[in-house]
Amino acid sequence: VAFNDFKNNFESILEGVFNNTLNFFYNGLKRSVFEGRTKARRGAPGCHDRWKGLHHSTYRATVMKDGVHSGTRGRMHWPSELSKLCYDTFQPEWMQLFGARIPEYFRVLEAT
């Protein structure tokens, strides 16, 4: 009897954790990733417009170094400029899920 009570309680807790995680993933993280993708698509041409004014040798040097170059105009990091548009949108949701919610779920499971 005690084992069945434990098993039922544990299954109920796991189901709640699973449903909460799935709900947060679809209504939080996934939504914010799509928003970030949209922002990145809209913002990428603006990044490119800023790069068009570079001297041809600076542009070439940056391309040859996979988008990362330090020159007379300062440090350029094209991958960061492009990914920042998307990353800044979903990073808070990501941290909420993996930094707070999942550790809390593990604490609940450990206490069971």
PDB file of N, CA and C in Angstrom:
ATOM      1  N   VAL A   1       0.838  -1.193   0.000  1.00  0.00           N
ATOM      2  CA  VAL A   1       0.000   0.000   0.000  1.00  0.00           C
ATOM      3  C   VAL A   1       0.882   1.257   0.000  1.00  0.00           C
ATOM      4  N   ALA A   2       1.903   1.283   0.834  1.00  0.00           N
ATOM      5  CA  ALA A   2       2.769   2.462   0.918  1.00  0.00           C
ATOM      6  C   ALA A   2       3.477   2.709  -0.415  1.00  0.00           C
ATOM      7  N   PHE A   3       3.906   1.616  -1.058  1.00  0.00           N
ATOM      8  CA  PHE A   3       4.585   1.770  -2.333  1.00  0.00           C
ATOM      9  C   PHE A   3       3.637   2.340  -3.382  1.00  0.00           C
ATOM     10  N   ASN A   4       2.410   1.850  -3.421  1.00  0.00           N
ATOM     11  CA  ASN A   4       1.431   2.359  -4.395  1.00  0.00           C
ATOM     12  C   ASN A   4       1.129   3.829  -4.154  1.00  0.00           C
ATOM     13  N   ASP A   5       1.039   4.227  -2.889  1.00  0.00           N
ATOM     14  CA  ASP A   5       0.819   5.644  -2.582  1.00  0.00           C
ATOM     15  C   ASP A   5       1.999   6.485  -3.072  1.00  0.00           C
ATOM     16  N   PHE A   6       3.212   5.991  -2.794  1.00  0.00           N
ATOM     17  CA  PHE A   6       4.413   6.697  -3.259  1.00  0.00           C
ATOM     18  C   PHE A   6       4.415   6.784  -4.778  1.00  0.00           C
ATOM     19  N   LYS A   7       4.144   5.666  -5.441  1.00  0.00           N
ATOM     20  CA  LYS A   7       4.148   5.613  -6.906  1.00  0.00           C
ATOM     21  C   LYS A   7       3.121   6.577  -7.484  1.00  0.00           C
ATOM     22  N   ASN A   8       1.925   6.579  -6.944  1.00  0.00           N
ATOM     23  CA  ASN A   8       0.871   7.471  -7.440  1.00  0.00           C
ATOM     24  C   ASN A   8       1.241   8.938  -7.226  1.00  0.00           C
ATOM     25  N   ASN A   9       1.776   9.242  -6.060  1.00  0.00           N
ATOM     26  CA  ASN A   9       2.194  10.609  -5.755  1.00  0.00           C
ATOM     27  C   ASN A   9       3.321  11.049  -6.694  1.00  0.00           C
ATOM     28  N   PHE A  10       4.287  10.166  -6.879  1.00  0.00           N
ATOM     29  CA  PHE A  10       5.421  10.475  -7.746  1.00  0.00           C
ATOM     30  C   PHE A  10       4.959  10.685  -9.189  1.00  0.00           C
ATOM     31  N   GLU A  11       4.086   9.826  -9.679  1.00  0.00           N
ATOM     32  CA  GLU A  11       3.558   9.971 -11.041  1.00  0.00           C
ATOM     33  C   GLU A  11       2.798  11.280 -11.195  1.00  0.00           C
ATOM     34  N   SER A  12       2.058  11.652 -10.172  1.00  0.00           N
ATOM     35  CA  SER A  12       1.310  12.903 -10.216  1.00  0.00           C
ATOM     36  C   SER A  12       2.260  14.104 -10.279  1.00  0.00           C
ATOM     37  N   ILE A  13       3.315  14.061  -9.477  1.00  0.00           N
ATOM     38  CA  ILE A  13       4.305  15.142  -9.482  1.00  0.00           C
ATOM     39  C   ILE A  13       5.007  15.202 -10.836  1.00  0.00           C
ATOM     40  N   LEU A  14       5.414  14.054 -11.374  1.00  0.00           N
ATOM     41  CA  LEU A  14       6.077  14.025 -12.680  1.00  0.00           C
ATOM     42  C   LEU A  14       5.166  14.559 -13.777  1.00  0.00           C
ATOM     43  N   GLU A  15       3.908  14.199 -13.728  1.00  0.00           N
ATOM     44  CA  GLU A  15       2.961  14.690 -14.725  1.00  0.00           C
ATOM     45  C   GLU A  15       2.835  16.215 -14.642  1.00  0.00           C
ATOM     46  N   GLY A  16       2.772  16.738 -13.420  1.00  0.00           N
ATOM     47  CA  GLY A  16       2.699  18.186 -13.237  1.00  0.00           C
ATOM     48  C   GLY A  16       3.945  18.884 -13.748  1.00  0.00           C
ATOM     49  N   VAL A  17       5.106  18.329 -13.436  1.00  0.00           N
ATOM     50  CA  VAL A  17       6.380  18.901 -13.904  1.00  0.00           C
ATOM     51  C   VAL A  17       6.422  18.873 -15.429  1.00  0.00           C
ATOM     52  N   PHE A  18       6.062  17.745 -16.010  1.00  0.00           N
ATOM     53  CA  PHE A  18       6.074  17.614 -17.460  1.00  0.00           C
ATOM     54  C   PHE A  18       5.122  18.620 -18.105  1.00  0.00           C
ATOM     55  N   ASN A  19       3.907  18.712 -17.601  1.00  0.00           N
ATOM     56  CA  ASN A  19       2.927  19.640 -18.178  1.00  0.00           C
ATOM     57  C   ASN A  19       3.354  21.099 -18.019  1.00  0.00           C
ATOM     58  N   ASN A  20       3.883  21.447 -16.851  1.00  0.00           N
ATOM     59  CA  ASN A  20       4.358  22.815 -16.638  1.00  0.00           C
ATOM     60  C   ASN A  20       5.519  23.158 -17.567  1.00  0.00           C
ATOM     61  N   THR A  21       6.446  22.228 -17.720  1.00  0.00           N
ATOM     62  CA  THR A  21       7.595  22.462 -18.594  1.00  0.00           C
ATOM     63  C   THR A  21       7.147  22.588 -20.040  1.00  0.00           C
ATOM     64  N   LEU A  22       6.289  21.692 -20.464  1.00  0.00           N
ATOM     65  CA  LEU A  22       5.788  21.736 -21.842  1.00  0.00           C
ATOM     66  C   LEU A  22       5.025  23.027 -22.108  1.00  0.00           C
ATOM     67  N   ASN A  23       4.188  23.426 -21.177  1.00  0.00           N
ATOM     68  CA  ASN A  23       3.419  24.661 -21.321  1.00  0.00           C
ATOM     69  C   ASN A  23       4.353  25.870 -21.397  1.00  0.00           C
ATOM     70  N   PHE A  24       5.331  25.926 -20.509  1.00  0.00           N
ATOM     71  CA  PHE A  24       6.264  27.051 -20.527  1.00  0.00           C
ATOM     72  C   PHE A  24       7.083  27.058 -21.805  1.00  0.00           C
ATOM     73  N   PHE A  25       7.465  25.857 -22.265  1.00  0.00           N
ATOM     74  CA  PHE A  25       8.247  25.781 -23.496  1.00  0.00           C
ATOM     75  C   PHE A  25       7.456  26.356 -24.669  1.00  0.00           C
ATOM     76  N   TYR A  26       6.224  25.910 -24.843  1.00  0.00           N
ATOM     77  CA  TYR A  26       5.440  26.356 -25.999  1.00  0.00           C
ATOM     78  C   TYR A  26       4.932  27.784 -25.857  1.00  0.00           C
ATOM     79  N   ASN A  27       4.528  28.186 -24.674  1.00  0.00           N
ATOM     80  CA  ASN A  27       3.963  29.523 -24.496  1.00  0.00           C
ATOM     81  C   ASN A  27       4.998  30.573 -24.109  1.00  0.00           C
ATOM     82  N   GLY A  28       6.190  30.145 -23.756  1.00  0.00           N
ATOM     83  CA  GLY A  28       7.232  31.083 -23.354  1.00  0.00           C
ATOM     84  C   GLY A  28       8.423  31.036 -24.284  1.00  0.00           C
ATOM     85  N   LEU A  29       9.192  29.976 -24.170  1.00  0.00           N
ATOM     86  CA  LEU A  29      10.455  29.889 -24.891  1.00  0.00           C
ATOM     87  C   LEU A  29      10.256  29.839 -26.409  1.00  0.00           C
ATOM     88  N   LYS A  30       9.414  28.966 -26.874  1.00  0.00           N
ATOM     89  CA  LYS A  30       9.216  28.837 -28.323  1.00  0.00           C
ATOM     90  C   LYS A  30       8.666  30.130 -28.923  1.00  0.00           C
ATOM     91  N   ARG A  31       7.720  30.743 -28.236  1.00  0.00           N
ATOM     92  CA  ARG A  31       7.153  32.009 -28.699  1.00  0.00           C
ATOM     93  C   ARG A  31       8.235  33.078 -28.790  1.00  0.00           C
ATOM     94  N   SER A  32       9.086  33.163 -27.776  1.00  0.00           N
ATOM     95  CA  SER A  32      10.121  34.200 -27.776  1.00  0.00           C
ATOM     96  C   SER A  32      11.198  33.923 -28.825  1.00  0.00           C
ATOM     97  N   VAL A  33      11.478  32.663 -29.126  1.00  0.00           N
ATOM     98  CA  VAL A  33      12.430  32.344 -30.198  1.00  0.00           C
ATOM     99  C   VAL A  33      11.871  32.807 -31.539  1.00  0.00           C
ATOM    100  N   PHE A  34      10.583  32.578 -31.774  1.00  0.00           N
ATOM    101  CA  PHE A  34       9.972  33.051 -33.023  1.00  0.00           C
ATOM    102  C   PHE A  34       9.968  34.575 -33.096  1.00  0.00           C
ATOM    103  N   GLU A  35       9.705  35.236 -31.971  1.00  0.00           N
ATOM    104  CA  GLU A  35       9.776  36.705 -31.948  1.00  0.00           C
ATOM    105  C   GLU A  35      11.195  37.177 -32.265  1.00  0.00           C
ATOM    106  N   GLY A  36      12.172  36.497 -31.685  1.00  0.00           N
ATOM    107  CA  GLY A  36      13.573  36.846 -31.936  1.00  0.00           C
ATOM    108  C   GLY A  36      13.952  36.656 -33.391  1.00  0.00           C
ATOM    109  N   ARG A  37      13.459  35.579 -33.968  1.00  0.00           N
ATOM    110  CA  ARG A  37      13.738  35.330 -35.385  1.00  0.00           C
ATOM    111  C   ARG A  37      13.162  36.456 -36.245  1.00  0.00           C
ATOM    112  N   THR A  38      11.958  36.879 -35.914  1.00  0.00           N
ATOM    113  CA  THR A  38      11.325  37.970 -36.657  1.00  0.00           C
ATOM    114  C   THR A  38      12.127  39.260 -36.504  1.00  0.00           C
ATOM    115  N   LYS A  39      12.555  39.564 -35.278  1.00  0.00           N
ATOM    116  CA  LYS A  39      13.361  40.766 -35.046  1.00  0.00           C
ATOM    117  C   LYS A  39      14.683  40.700 -35.807  1.00  0.00           C
ATOM    118  N   ALA A  40      15.287  39.519 -35.829  1.00  0.00           N
ATOM    119  CA  ALA A  40      16.565  39.365 -36.535  1.00  0.00           C
ATOM    120  C   ALA A  40      16.382  39.562 -38.031  1.00  0.00           C
ATOM    121  N   ARG A  41      15.294  39.028 -38.576  1.00  0.00           N
ATOM    122  CA  ARG A  41      15.044  39.213 -40.015  1.00  0.00           C
ATOM    123  C   ARG A  41      14.844  40.682 -40.353  1.00  0.00           C
ATOM    124  N   ARG A  42      14.154  41.384 -39.487  1.00  0.00           N
ATOM    125  CA  ARG A  42      13.917  42.813 -39.738  1.00  0.00           C
ATOM    126  C   ARG A  42      15.176  43.644 -39.491  1.00  0.00           C
ATOM    127  N   GLY A  43      15.977  43.237 -38.529  1.00  0.00           N
ATOM    128  CA  GLY A  43      17.143  44.025 -38.144  1.00  0.00           C
ATOM    129  C   GLY A  43      18.394  43.747 -38.948  1.00  0.00           C
ATOM    130  N   ALA A  44      18.482  42.579 -39.578  1.00  0.00           N
ATOM    131  CA  ALA A  44      19.687  42.221 -40.333  1.00  0.00           C
ATOM    132  C   ALA A  44      20.001  43.222 -41.439  1.00  0.00           C
ATOM    133  N   PRO A  45      19.014  43.684 -42.204  1.00  0.00           N
ATOM    134  CA  PRO A  45      19.359  44.692 -43.228  1.00  0.00           C
ATOM    135  C   PRO A  45      19.973  45.957 -42.622  1.00  0.00           C
ATOM    136  N   GLY A  46      19.547  46.337 -41.427  1.00  0.00           N
ATOM    137  CA  GLY A  46      20.135  47.503 -40.767  1.00  0.00           C
ATOM    138  C   GLY A  46      21.595  47.276 -40.423  1.00  0.00           C
ATOM    139  N   CYS A  47      21.914  46.058 -39.986  1.00  0.00           N
ATOM    140  CA  CYS A  47      23.322  45.732 -39.725  1.00  0.00           C
ATOM    141  C   CYS A  47      24.117  45.836 -41.014  1.00  0.00           C
ATOM    142  N   HIS A  48      23.591  45.279 -42.065  1.00  0.00           N
ATOM    143  CA  HIS A  48      24.286  45.313 -43.349  1.00  0.00           C
ATOM    144  C   HIS A  48      24.489  46.751 -43.816  1.00  0.00           C
ATOM    145  N   ASP A  49      23.481  47.589 -43.626  1.00  0.00           N
ATOM    146  CA  ASP A  49      23.604  48.991 -44.047  1.00  0.00           C
ATOM    147  C   ASP A  49      24.764  49.687 -43.333  1.00  0.00           C
ATOM    148  N   ARG A  50      24.970  49.362 -42.055  1.00  0.00           N
ATOM    149  CA  ARG A  50      26.091  49.954 -41.316  1.00  0.00           C
ATOM    150  C   ARG A  50      27.431  49.455 -41.877  1.00  0.00           C
ATOM    151  N   TRP A  51      27.455  48.222 -42.344  1.00  0.00           N
ATOM    152  CA  TRP A  51      28.701  47.641 -42.842  1.00  0.00           C
ATOM    153  C   TRP A  51      29.053  48.149 -44.235  1.00  0.00           C
ATOM    154  N   LYS A  52      28.060  48.607 -44.984  1.00  0.00           N
ATOM    155  CA  LYS A  52      28.320  49.066 -46.351  1.00  0.00           C
ATOM    156  C   LYS A  52      29.280  50.249 -46.386  1.00  0.00           C
ATOM    157  N   GLY A  53      29.323  51.016 -45.312  1.00  0.00           N
ATOM    158  CA  GLY A  53      30.192  52.184 -45.291  1.00  0.00           C
ATOM    159  C   GLY A  53      31.646  51.867 -44.983  1.00  0.00           C
ATOM    160  N   LEU A  54      31.963  50.610 -44.762  1.00  0.00           N
ATOM    161  CA  LEU A  54      33.342  50.240 -44.441  1.00  0.00           C
ATOM    162  C   LEU A  54      34.233  50.362 -45.680  1.00  0.00           C
ATOM    163  N   HIS A  55      35.460  50.706 -45.434  1.00  0.00           N
ATOM    164  CA  HIS A  55      36.440  50.703 -46.514  1.00  0.00           C
ATOM    165  C   HIS A  55      36.550  49.273 -47.039  1.00  0.00           C
ATOM    166  N   HIS A  56      36.784  49.131 -48.329  1.00  0.00           N
ATOM    167  CA  HIS A  56      36.798  47.789 -48.929  1.00  0.00           C
ATOM    168  C   HIS A  56      37.810  46.862 -48.270  1.00  0.00           C
ATOM    169  N   SER A  57      38.952  47.388 -47.858  1.00  0.00           N
ATOM    170  CA  SER A  57      39.954  46.522 -47.225  1.00  0.00           C
ATOM    171  C   SER A  57      39.507  46.090 -45.821  1.00  0.00           C
ATOM    172  N   THR A  58      38.805  46.962 -45.111  1.00  0.00           N
ATOM    173  CA  THR A  58      38.271  46.604 -43.790  1.00  0.00           C
ATOM    174  C   THR A  58      37.179  45.555 -43.947  1.00  0.00           C
ATOM    175  N   TYR A  59      36.311  45.756 -44.928  1.00  0.00           N
ATOM    176  CA  TYR A  59      35.239  44.793 -45.193  1.00  0.00           C
ATOM    177  C   TYR A  59      35.841  43.429 -45.536  1.00  0.00           C
ATOM    178  N   ARG A  60      36.828  43.427 -46.420  1.00  0.00           N
ATOM    179  CA  ARG A  60      37.472  42.175 -46.819  1.00  0.00           C
ATOM    180  C   ARG A  60      38.145  41.503 -45.623  1.00  0.00           C
ATOM    181  N   ALA A  61      38.850  42.275 -44.814  1.00  0.00           N
ATOM    182  CA  ALA A  61      39.526  41.709 -43.644  1.00  0.00           C
ATOM    183  C   ALA A  61      38.516  41.077 -42.689  1.00  0.00           C
ATOM    184  N   THR A  62      37.390  41.734 -42.523  1.00  0.00           N
ATOM    185  CA  THR A  62      36.359  41.206 -41.627  1.00  0.00           C
ATOM    186  C   THR A  62      35.772  39.919 -42.193  1.00  0.00           C
ATOM    187  N   VAL A  63      35.520  39.887 -43.484  1.00  0.00           N
ATOM    188  CA  VAL A  63      34.993  38.673 -44.125  1.00  0.00           C
ATOM    189  C   VAL A  63      35.995  37.534 -43.992  1.00  0.00           C
ATOM    190  N   MET A  64      37.267  37.813 -44.238  1.00  0.00           N
ATOM    191  CA  MET A  64      38.312  36.783 -44.181  1.00  0.00           C
ATOM    192  C   MET A  64      38.492  36.216 -42.769  1.00  0.00           C
ATOM    193  N   LYS A  65      38.086  36.988 -41.763  1.00  0.00           N
ATOM    194  CA  LYS A  65      38.233  36.550 -40.369  1.00  0.00           C
ATOM    195  C   LYS A  65      36.884  36.115 -39.787  1.00  0.00           C
ATOM    196  N   ASP A  66      36.023  35.591 -40.641  1.00  0.00           N
ATOM    197  CA  ASP A  66      34.706  35.086 -40.217  1.00  0.00           C
ATOM    198  C   ASP A  66      33.872  36.124 -39.495  1.00  0.00           C
ATOM    199  N   GLY A  67      34.001  37.367 -39.895  1.00  0.00           N
ATOM    200  CA  GLY A  67      33.155  38.423 -39.356  1.00  0.00           C
ATOM    201  C   GLY A  67      33.681  39.089 -38.098  1.00  0.00           C
ATOM    202  N   VAL A  68      34.896  38.755 -37.688  1.00  0.00           N
ATOM    203  CA  VAL A  68      35.476  39.340 -36.475  1.00  0.00           C
ATOM    204  C   VAL A  68      36.777  40.042 -36.860  1.00  0.00           C
ATOM    205  N   HIS A  69      36.845  41.348 -36.590  1.00  0.00           N
ATOM    206  CA  HIS A  69      38.025  42.110 -37.001  1.00  0.00           C
ATOM    207  C   HIS A  69      38.190  43.328 -36.090  1.00  0.00           C
ATOM    208  N   SER A  70      39.416  43.611 -35.744  1.00  0.00           N
ATOM    209  CA  SER A  70      39.745  44.840 -35.024  1.00  0.00           C
ATOM    210  C   SER A  70      40.615  45.690 -35.933  1.00  0.00           C
ATOM    211  N   GLY A  71      40.150  46.891 -36.172  1.00  0.00           N
ATOM    212  CA  GLY A  71      40.902  47.783 -37.055  1.00  0.00           C
ATOM    213  C   GLY A  71      40.825  49.207 -36.551  1.00  0.00           C
ATOM    214  N   THR A  72      41.058  50.153 -37.440  1.00  0.00           N
ATOM    215  CA  THR A  72      41.059  51.561 -37.052  1.00  0.00           C
ATOM    216  C   THR A  72      39.668  52.035 -36.630  1.00  0.00           C
ATOM    217  N   ARG A  73      38.625  51.364 -37.073  1.00  0.00           N
ATOM    218  CA  ARG A  73      37.254  51.741 -36.687  1.00  0.00           C
ATOM    219  C   ARG A  73      36.784  50.995 -35.443  1.00  0.00           C
ATOM    220  N   GLY A  74      37.706  50.278 -34.817  1.00  0.00           N
ATOM    221  CA  GLY A  74      37.355  49.537 -33.618  1.00  0.00           C
ATOM    222  C   GLY A  74      37.078  48.076 -33.922  1.00  0.00           C
ATOM    223  N   ARG A  75      36.601  47.394 -32.922  1.00  0.00           N
ATOM    224  CA  ARG A  75      36.330  45.955 -33.043  1.00  0.00           C
ATOM    225  C   ARG A  75      34.966  45.734 -33.685  1.00  0.00           C
ATOM    226  N   MET A  76      34.943  44.835 -34.659  1.00  0.00           N
ATOM    227  CA  MET A  76      33.688  44.438 -35.295  1.00  0.00           C
ATOM    228  C   MET A  76      33.488  42.951 -35.048  1.00  0.00           C
ATOM    229  N   HIS A  77      32.283  42.591 -34.741  1.00  0.00           N
ATOM    230  CA  HIS A  77      31.940  41.185 -34.532  1.00  0.00           C
ATOM    231  C   HIS A  77      30.562  40.967 -35.142  1.00  0.00           C
ATOM    232  N   TRP A  78      30.564  40.713 -36.449  1.00  0.00           N
ATOM    233  CA  TRP A  78      29.298  40.583 -37.162  1.00  0.00           C
ATOM    234  C   TRP A  78      28.397  39.481 -36.609  1.00  0.00           C
ATOM    235  N   PRO A  79      28.940  38.303 -36.244  1.00  0.00           N
ATOM    236  CA  PRO A  79      28.045  37.274 -35.691  1.00  0.00           C
ATOM    237  C   PRO A  79      27.305  37.748 -34.434  1.00  0.00           C
ATOM    238  N   SER A  80      27.992  38.497 -33.576  1.00  0.00           N
ATOM    239  CA  SER A  80      27.325  39.017 -32.369  1.00  0.00           C
ATOM    240  C   SER A  80      26.258  40.039 -32.715  1.00  0.00           C
ATOM    241  N   GLU A  81      26.567  40.904 -33.671  1.00  0.00           N
ATOM    242  CA  GLU A  81      25.589  41.924 -34.065  1.00  0.00           C
ATOM    243  C   GLU A  81      24.311  41.276 -34.590  1.00  0.00           C
ATOM    244  N   LEU A  82      24.471  40.237 -35.398  1.00  0.00           N
ATOM    245  CA  LEU A  82      23.300  39.570 -35.961  1.00  0.00           C
ATOM    246  C   LEU A  82      22.562  38.722 -34.930  1.00  0.00           C
ATOM    247  N   SER A  83      23.297  37.966 -34.135  1.00  0.00           N
ATOM    248  CA  SER A  83      22.639  37.068 -33.183  1.00  0.00           C
ATOM    249  C   SER A  83      22.033  37.822 -32.008  1.00  0.00           C
ATOM    250  N   LYS A  84      22.556  39.002 -31.679  1.00  0.00           N
ATOM    251  CA  LYS A  84      22.037  39.787 -30.558  1.00  0.00           C
ATOM    252  C   LYS A  84      20.559  40.097 -30.749  1.00  0.00           C
ATOM    253  N   LEU A  85      20.155  40.351 -31.974  1.00  0.00           N
ATOM    254  CA  LEU A  85      18.757  40.676 -32.257  1.00  0.00           C
ATOM    255  C   LEU A  85      17.825  39.556 -31.810  1.00  0.00           C
ATOM    256  N   CYS A  86      18.224  38.329 -32.059  1.00  0.00           N
ATOM    257  CA  CYS A  86      17.397  37.176 -31.683  1.00  0.00           C
ATOM    258  C   CYS A  86      17.643  36.790 -30.218  1.00  0.00           C
ATOM    259  N   TYR A  87      18.906  36.720 -29.838  1.00  0.00           N
ATOM    260  CA  TYR A  87      19.299  36.259 -28.509  1.00  0.00           C
ATOM    261  C   TYR A  87      18.659  37.089 -27.395  1.00  0.00           C
ATOM    262  N   ASP A  88      18.679  38.395 -27.542  1.00  0.00           N
ATOM    263  CA  ASP A  88      18.131  39.257 -26.490  1.00  0.00           C
ATOM    264  C   ASP A  88      16.639  39.043 -26.287  1.00  0.00           C
ATOM    265  N   THR A  89      15.955  38.517 -27.300  1.00  0.00           N
ATOM    266  CA  THR A  89      14.525  38.283 -27.189  1.00  0.00           C
ATOM    267  C   THR A  89      14.215  37.011 -26.408  1.00  0.00           C
ATOM    268  N   PHE A  90      14.940  35.918 -26.691  1.00  0.00           N
ATOM    269  CA  PHE A  90      14.585  34.662 -26.025  1.00  0.00           C
ATOM    270  C   PHE A  90      15.427  34.332 -24.798  1.00  0.00           C
ATOM    271  N   GLN A  91      16.512  35.054 -24.589  1.00  0.00           N
ATOM    272  CA  GLN A  91      17.394  34.741 -23.458  1.00  0.00           C
ATOM    273  C   GLN A  91      16.695  34.809 -22.098  1.00  0.00           C
ATOM    274  N   PRO A  92      15.835  35.799 -21.820  1.00  0.00           N
ATOM    275  CA  PRO A  92      15.161  35.797 -20.514  1.00  0.00           C
ATOM    276  C   PRO A  92      14.277  34.571 -20.294  1.00  0.00           C
ATOM    277  N   GLU A  93      13.573  34.138 -21.336  1.00  0.00           N
ATOM    278  CA  GLU A  93      12.737  32.934 -21.217  1.00  0.00           C
ATOM    279  C   GLU A  93      13.599  31.699 -21.027  1.00  0.00           C
ATOM    280  N   TRP A  94      14.712  31.636 -21.733  1.00  0.00           N
ATOM    281  CA  TRP A  94      15.653  30.517 -21.614  1.00  0.00           C
ATOM    282  C   TRP A  94      16.160  30.416 -20.172  1.00  0.00           C
ATOM    283  N   MET A  95      16.581  31.550 -19.630  1.00  0.00           N
ATOM    284  CA  MET A  95      17.090  31.562 -18.256  1.00  0.00           C
ATOM    285  C   MET A  95      16.005  31.196 -17.254  1.00  0.00           C
ATOM    286  N   GLN A  96      14.782  31.633 -17.510  1.00  0.00           N
ATOM    287  CA  GLN A  96      13.668  31.293 -16.628  1.00  0.00           C
ATOM    288  C   GLN A  96      13.438  29.783 -16.614  1.00  0.00           C
ATOM    289  N   LEU A  97      13.478  29.167 -17.795  1.00  0.00           N
ATOM    290  CA  LEU A  97      13.234  27.721 -17.865  1.00  0.00           C
ATOM    291  C   LEU A  97      14.389  26.934 -17.275  1.00  0.00           C
ATOM    292  N   PHE A  98      15.601  27.170 -17.790  1.00  0.00           N
ATOM    293  CA  PHE A  98      16.734  26.340 -17.388  1.00  0.00           C
ATOM    294  C   PHE A  98      17.434  26.834 -16.126  1.00  0.00           C
ATOM    295  N   GLY A  99      17.273  28.103 -15.789  1.00  0.00           N
ATOM    296  CA  GLY A  99      17.935  28.631 -14.606  1.00  0.00           C
ATOM    297  C   GLY A  99      17.084  28.617 -13.364  1.00  0.00           C
ATOM    298  N   ALA A 100      15.754  28.601 -13.536  1.00  0.00           N
ATOM    299  CA  ALA A 100      14.871  28.667 -12.372  1.00  0.00           C
ATOM    300  C   ALA A 100      13.868  27.514 -12.311  1.00  0.00           C
ATOM    301  N   ARG A 101      13.111  27.321 -13.373  1.00  0.00           N
ATOM    302  CA  ARG A 101      12.030  26.336 -13.324  1.00  0.00           C
ATOM    303  C   ARG A 101      12.528  24.898 -13.207  1.00  0.00           C
ATOM    304  N   ILE A 102      13.425  24.504 -14.089  1.00  0.00           N
ATOM    305  CA  ILE A 102      13.889  23.111 -14.047  1.00  0.00           C
ATOM    306  C   ILE A 102      14.619  22.799 -12.742  1.00  0.00           C
ATOM    307  N   PRO A 103      15.511  23.683 -12.233  1.00  0.00           N
ATOM    308  CA  PRO A 103      16.100  23.394 -10.920  1.00  0.00           C
ATOM    309  C   PRO A 103      15.031  23.263  -9.816  1.00  0.00           C
ATOM    310  N   GLU A 104      13.985  24.081  -9.895  1.00  0.00           N
ATOM    311  CA  GLU A 104      12.906  23.975  -8.903  1.00  0.00           C
ATOM    312  C   GLU A 104      12.188  22.634  -9.038  1.00  0.00           C
ATOM    313  N   TYR A 105      11.970  22.183 -10.251  1.00  0.00           N
ATOM    314  CA  TYR A 105      11.332  20.880 -10.457  1.00  0.00           C
ATOM    315  C   TYR A 105      12.185  19.767  -9.865  1.00  0.00           C
ATOM    316  N   PHE A 106      13.504  19.862 -10.025  1.00  0.00           N
ATOM    317  CA  PHE A 106      14.380  18.853  -9.435  1.00  0.00           C
ATOM    318  C   PHE A 106      14.315  18.886  -7.910  1.00  0.00           C
ATOM    319  N   ARG A 107      14.203  20.086  -7.333  1.00  0.00           N
ATOM    320  CA  ARG A 107      14.062  20.191  -5.866  1.00  0.00           C
ATOM    321  C   ARG A 107      12.769  19.524  -5.401  1.00  0.00           C
ATOM    322  N   VAL A 108      11.712  19.717  -6.155  1.00  0.00           N
ATOM    323  CA  VAL A 108      10.428  19.083  -5.820  1.00  0.00           C
ATOM    324  C   VAL A 108      10.561  17.564  -5.902  1.00  0.00           C
ATOM    325  N   LEU A 109      11.198  17.084  -6.960  1.00  0.00           N
ATOM    326  CA  LEU A 109      11.374  15.639  -7.107  1.00  0.00           C
ATOM    327  C   LEU A 109      12.275  15.059  -6.021  1.00  0.00           C
ATOM    328  N   GLU A 110      13.313  15.782  -5.637  1.00  0.00           N
ATOM    329  CA  GLU A 110      14.202  15.303  -4.574  1.00  0.00           C
ATOM    330  C   GLU A 110      13.473  15.225  -3.240  1.00  0.00           C
ATOM    331  N   ALA A 111      12.532  16.134  -3.038  1.00  0.00           N
ATOM    332  CA  ALA A 111      11.800  16.150  -1.770  1.00  0.00           C
ATOM    333  C   ALA A 111      10.750  15.046  -1.688  1.00  0.00           C
ATOM    334  N   THR A 112      10.459  14.421  -2.817  1.00  0.00           N
ATOM    335  CA  THR A 112       9.439  13.369  -2.849  1.00  0.00           C
ATOM    336  C   THR A 112       9.955  12.077  -2.295  1.00  0.00           C
TER     337      THR A 112
END
